[in-house]
Amino acid sequence: MTRRKSGGEFKIEALKLVTELGVSVAQVAHDLDLAESVLRGISA
Protein backbone atom coordinates (compact mmCIF):
# COMPACT_ATOMS: atom_id res chain seq x y z
CA MET A 1 0.00 0.00 0.00
CA THR A 2 1.40 3.39 -0.96
CA ARG A 3 0.67 6.63 0.80
CA ARG A 4 -0.96 9.25 -1.37
CA LYS A 5 0.62 12.70 -1.31
CA SER A 6 -1.71 15.65 -0.91
CA GLY A 7 -0.01 18.76 -2.20
CA GLY A 8 -0.79 22.20 -0.89
CA GLU A 9 -2.64 23.16 -4.06
CA PHE A 10 -4.90 20.11 -3.75
CA LYS A 11 -5.71 20.98 -0.14
CA ILE A 12 -6.50 24.58 -1.02
CA GLU A 13 -8.90 23.46 -3.75
CA ALA A 14 -10.55 21.09 -1.28
CA LEU A 15 -10.89 23.90 1.24
CA LYS A 16 -12.53 26.08 -1.42
CA LEU A 17 -15.32 23.51 -1.63
CA VAL A 18 -16.03 24.24 2.03
CA THR A 19 -15.64 28.02 2.02
CA GLU A 20 -17.07 28.91 -1.38
CA LEU A 21 -19.66 26.21 -1.98
CA GLY A 22 -20.71 25.61 1.60
CA VAL A 23 -20.01 21.88 1.57
CA SER A 24 -19.27 20.54 5.05
CA VAL A 25 -15.71 19.70 6.00
CA ALA A 26 -16.84 16.18 6.82
CA GLN A 27 -18.41 15.71 3.38
CA VAL A 28 -15.41 17.07 1.48
CA ALA A 29 -13.06 14.89 3.52
CA HIS A 30 -15.19 11.84 2.85
CA ASP A 31 -15.54 12.54 -0.87
CA LEU A 32 -11.79 13.07 -1.29
CA ASP A 33 -10.81 10.21 1.04
CA LEU A 34 -9.01 12.55 3.43
CA ALA A 35 -9.01 12.85 7.18
CA GLU A 36 -11.06 15.82 8.39
CA SER A 37 -8.02 16.97 10.35
CA VAL A 38 -6.17 17.57 7.07
CA LEU A 39 -8.75 20.16 6.03
CA ARG A 40 -9.28 21.58 9.49
CA GLY A 41 -5.51 22.01 9.93
CA ILE A 42 -5.19 24.24 6.90
CA SER A 43 -8.31 26.23 7.69
CA ALA A 44 -7.10 27.20 11.17
PDB file of N, CA and C in Angstrom:
ATOM      1  N   MET A   1       0.846  -1.180   0.000  1.00  0.00           N
ATOM      2  CA  MET A   1       0.000   0.000   0.000  1.00  0.00           C
ATOM      3  C   MET A   1       0.892   1.244   0.000  1.00  0.00           C
ATOM      4  N   THR A   2       0.619   2.169  -0.903  1.00  0.00           N
ATOM      5  CA  THR A   2       1.401   3.394  -0.958  1.00  0.00           C
ATOM      6  C   THR A   2       0.603   4.544  -0.364  1.00  0.00           C
ATOM      7  N   ARG A   3       1.307   5.463   0.209  1.00  0.00           N
ATOM      8  CA  ARG A   3       0.674   6.631   0.801  1.00  0.00           C
ATOM      9  C   ARG A   3       0.512   7.709  -0.261  1.00  0.00           C
ATOM     10  N   ARG A   4      -0.688   8.215  -0.387  1.00  0.00           N
ATOM     11  CA  ARG A   4      -0.958   9.255  -1.366  1.00  0.00           C
ATOM     12  C   ARG A   4      -0.466  10.598  -0.845  1.00  0.00           C
ATOM     13  N   LYS A   5       0.160  11.361  -1.694  1.00  0.00           N
ATOM     14  CA  LYS A   5       0.616  12.695  -1.311  1.00  0.00           C
ATOM     15  C   LYS A   5      -0.481  13.697  -1.622  1.00  0.00           C
ATOM     16  N   SER A   6      -0.727  14.577  -0.704  1.00  0.00           N
ATOM     17  CA  SER A   6      -1.706  15.645  -0.906  1.00  0.00           C
ATOM     18  C   SER A   6      -0.974  16.967  -0.898  1.00  0.00           C
ATOM     19  N   GLY A   7      -0.736  17.501  -2.078  1.00  0.00           N
ATOM     20  CA  GLY A   7      -0.007  18.759  -2.199  1.00  0.00           C
ATOM     21  C   GLY A   7      -0.821  19.927  -1.681  1.00  0.00           C
ATOM     22  N   GLY A   8      -0.152  21.007  -1.413  1.00  0.00           N
ATOM     23  CA  GLY A   8      -0.795  22.199  -0.891  1.00  0.00           C
ATOM     24  C   GLY A   8      -1.891  22.723  -1.800  1.00  0.00           C
ATOM     25  N   GLU A   9      -1.649  22.674  -3.103  1.00  0.00           N
ATOM     26  CA  GLU A   9      -2.638  23.162  -4.059  1.00  0.00           C
ATOM     27  C   GLU A   9      -3.921  22.320  -3.996  1.00  0.00           C
ATOM     28  N   PHE A  10      -3.755  21.016  -3.874  1.00  0.00           N
ATOM     29  CA  PHE A  10      -4.902  20.113  -3.749  1.00  0.00           C
ATOM     30  C   PHE A  10      -5.714  20.446  -2.501  1.00  0.00           C
ATOM     31  N   LYS A  11      -5.020  20.677  -1.394  1.00  0.00           N
ATOM     32  CA  LYS A  11      -5.706  20.979  -0.136  1.00  0.00           C
ATOM     33  C   LYS A  11      -6.449  22.312  -0.217  1.00  0.00           C
ATOM     34  N   ILE A  12      -5.844  23.281  -0.878  1.00  0.00           N
ATOM     35  CA  ILE A  12      -6.497  24.585  -1.019  1.00  0.00           C
ATOM     36  C   ILE A  12      -7.767  24.448  -1.854  1.00  0.00           C
ATOM     37  N   GLU A  13      -7.706  23.683  -2.920  1.00  0.00           N
ATOM     38  CA  GLU A  13      -8.895  23.463  -3.745  1.00  0.00           C
ATOM     39  C   GLU A  13      -9.981  22.745  -2.943  1.00  0.00           C
ATOM     40  N   ALA A  14      -9.585  21.791  -2.118  1.00  0.00           N
ATOM     41  CA  ALA A  14     -10.552  21.086  -1.277  1.00  0.00           C
ATOM     42  C   ALA A  14     -11.184  22.054  -0.282  1.00  0.00           C
ATOM     43  N   LEU A  15     -10.376  22.938   0.276  1.00  0.00           N
ATOM     44  CA  LEU A  15     -10.885  23.904   1.244  1.00  0.00           C
ATOM     45  C   LEU A  15     -11.855  24.886   0.588  1.00  0.00           C
ATOM     46  N   LYS A  16     -11.614  25.201  -0.687  1.00  0.00           N
ATOM     47  CA  LYS A  16     -12.528  26.084  -1.415  1.00  0.00           C
ATOM     48  C   LYS A  16     -13.923  25.477  -1.515  1.00  0.00           C
ATOM     49  N   LEU A  17     -14.009  24.169  -1.599  1.00  0.00           N
ATOM     50  CA  LEU A  17     -15.322  23.515  -1.632  1.00  0.00           C
ATOM     51  C   LEU A  17     -16.104  23.850  -0.369  1.00  0.00           C
ATOM     52  N   VAL A  18     -15.393  23.931   0.745  1.00  0.00           N
ATOM     53  CA  VAL A  18     -16.027  24.239   2.027  1.00  0.00           C
ATOM     54  C   VAL A  18     -16.393  25.722   2.094  1.00  0.00           C
ATOM     55  N   THR A  19     -15.432  26.583   1.807  1.00  0.00           N
ATOM     56  CA  THR A  19     -15.644  28.016   2.021  1.00  0.00           C
ATOM     57  C   THR A  19     -16.506  28.670   0.946  1.00  0.00           C
ATOM     58  N   GLU A  20     -16.352  28.255  -0.300  1.00  0.00           N
ATOM     59  CA  GLU A  20     -17.073  28.912  -1.381  1.00  0.00           C
ATOM     60  C   GLU A  20     -18.387  28.233  -1.744  1.00  0.00           C
ATOM     61  N   LEU A  21     -18.445  26.929  -1.602  1.00  0.00           N
ATOM     62  CA  LEU A  21     -19.664  26.208  -1.984  1.00  0.00           C
ATOM     63  C   LEU A  21     -20.500  25.784  -0.794  1.00  0.00           C
ATOM     64  N   GLY A  22     -19.955  25.935   0.407  1.00  0.00           N
ATOM     65  CA  GLY A  22     -20.713  25.609   1.604  1.00  0.00           C
ATOM     66  C   GLY A  22     -20.850  24.128   1.895  1.00  0.00           C
ATOM     67  N   VAL A  23     -20.000  23.318   1.291  1.00  0.00           N
ATOM     68  CA  VAL A  23     -20.010  21.884   1.566  1.00  0.00           C
ATOM     69  C   VAL A  23     -19.336  21.669   2.923  1.00  0.00           C
ATOM     70  N   SER A  24     -19.849  20.750   3.723  1.00  0.00           N
ATOM     71  CA  SER A  24     -19.268  20.543   5.046  1.00  0.00           C
ATOM     72  C   SER A  24     -17.869  19.941   4.941  1.00  0.00           C
ATOM     73  N   VAL A  25     -17.057  20.244   5.946  1.00  0.00           N
ATOM     74  CA  VAL A  25     -15.709  19.696   5.997  1.00  0.00           C
ATOM     75  C   VAL A  25     -15.780  18.174   5.994  1.00  0.00           C
ATOM     76  N   ALA A  26     -16.701  17.631   6.748  1.00  0.00           N
ATOM     77  CA  ALA A  26     -16.844  16.176   6.817  1.00  0.00           C
ATOM     78  C   ALA A  26     -17.151  15.582   5.446  1.00  0.00           C
ATOM     79  N   GLN A  27     -18.027  16.236   4.699  1.00  0.00           N
ATOM     80  CA  GLN A  27     -18.410  15.714   3.383  1.00  0.00           C
ATOM     81  C   GLN A  27     -17.255  15.800   2.392  1.00  0.00           C
ATOM     82  N   VAL A  28     -16.555  16.919   2.384  1.00  0.00           N
ATOM     83  CA  VAL A  28     -15.413  17.066   1.478  1.00  0.00           C
ATOM     84  C   VAL A  28     -14.345  16.032   1.818  1.00  0.00           C
ATOM     85  N   ALA A  29     -14.055  15.878   3.094  1.00  0.00           N
ATOM     86  CA  ALA A  29     -13.058  14.894   3.516  1.00  0.00           C
ATOM     87  C   ALA A  29     -13.461  13.496   3.069  1.00  0.00           C
ATOM     88  N   HIS A  30     -14.702  13.165   3.258  1.00  0.00           N
ATOM     89  CA  HIS A  30     -15.192  11.836   2.855  1.00  0.00           C
ATOM     90  C   HIS A  30     -15.086  11.659   1.345  1.00  0.00           C
ATOM     91  N   ASP A  31     -15.550  12.633   0.595  1.00  0.00           N
ATOM     92  CA  ASP A  31     -15.540  12.543  -0.868  1.00  0.00           C
ATOM     93  C   ASP A  31     -14.130  12.416  -1.438  1.00  0.00           C
ATOM     94  N   LEU A  32     -13.168  13.080  -0.797  1.00  0.00           N
ATOM     95  CA  LEU A  32     -11.793  13.069  -1.287  1.00  0.00           C
ATOM     96  C   LEU A  32     -10.919  12.037  -0.583  1.00  0.00           C
ATOM     97  N   ASP A  33     -11.521  11.249   0.287  1.00  0.00           N
ATOM     98  CA  ASP A  33     -10.809  10.215   1.037  1.00  0.00           C
ATOM     99  C   ASP A  33      -9.654  10.810   1.837  1.00  0.00           C
ATOM    100  N   LEU A  34      -9.970  11.890   2.552  1.00  0.00           N
ATOM    101  CA  LEU A  34      -9.011  12.553   3.425  1.00  0.00           C
ATOM    102  C   LEU A  34      -9.513  12.510   4.860  1.00  0.00           C
ATOM    103  N   ALA A  35      -8.612  12.685   5.791  1.00  0.00           N
ATOM    104  CA  ALA A  35      -9.014  12.848   7.181  1.00  0.00           C
ATOM    105  C   ALA A  35      -9.507  14.276   7.353  1.00  0.00           C
ATOM    106  N   GLU A  36     -10.548  14.460   8.144  1.00  0.00           N
ATOM    107  CA  GLU A  36     -11.060  15.816   8.390  1.00  0.00           C
ATOM    108  C   GLU A  36      -9.962  16.719   8.944  1.00  0.00           C
ATOM    109  N   SER A  37      -9.074  16.159   9.736  1.00  0.00           N
ATOM    110  CA  SER A  37      -8.022  16.966  10.349  1.00  0.00           C
ATOM    111  C   SER A  37      -7.107  17.605   9.306  1.00  0.00           C
ATOM    112  N   VAL A  38      -6.990  16.986   8.138  1.00  0.00           N
ATOM    113  CA  VAL A  38      -6.170  17.569   7.069  1.00  0.00           C
ATOM    114  C   VAL A  38      -6.783  18.907   6.638  1.00  0.00           C
ATOM    115  N   LEU A  39      -8.093  18.932   6.456  1.00  0.00           N
ATOM    116  CA  LEU A  39      -8.746  20.164   6.035  1.00  0.00           C
ATOM    117  C   LEU A  39      -8.856  21.153   7.179  1.00  0.00           C
ATOM    118  N   ARG A  40      -9.144  20.673   8.353  1.00  0.00           N
ATOM    119  CA  ARG A  40      -9.284  21.578   9.491  1.00  0.00           C
ATOM    120  C   ARG A  40      -7.931  22.207   9.836  1.00  0.00           C
ATOM    121  N   GLY A  41      -6.849  21.492   9.649  1.00  0.00           N
ATOM    122  CA  GLY A  41      -5.512  22.007   9.935  1.00  0.00           C
ATOM    123  C   GLY A  41      -5.117  23.164   9.050  1.00  0.00           C
ATOM    124  N   ILE A  42      -5.560  23.147   7.789  1.00  0.00           N
ATOM    125  CA  ILE A  42      -5.189  24.235   6.896  1.00  0.00           C
ATOM    126  C   ILE A  42      -6.162  25.394   6.981  1.00  0.00           C
ATOM    127  N   SER A  43      -7.331  25.153   7.576  1.00  0.00           N
ATOM    128  CA  SER A  43      -8.309  26.234   7.689  1.00  0.00           C
ATOM    129  C   SER A  43      -8.125  27.031   8.968  1.00  0.00           C
ATOM    130  N   ALA A  44      -7.305  26.528   9.880  1.00  0.00           N
ATOM    131  CA  ALA A  44      -7.104  27.204  11.168  1.00  0.00           C
ATOM    132  C   ALA A  44      -6.135  28.351  11.059  1.00  0.00           C
TER     133      ALA A  44
END
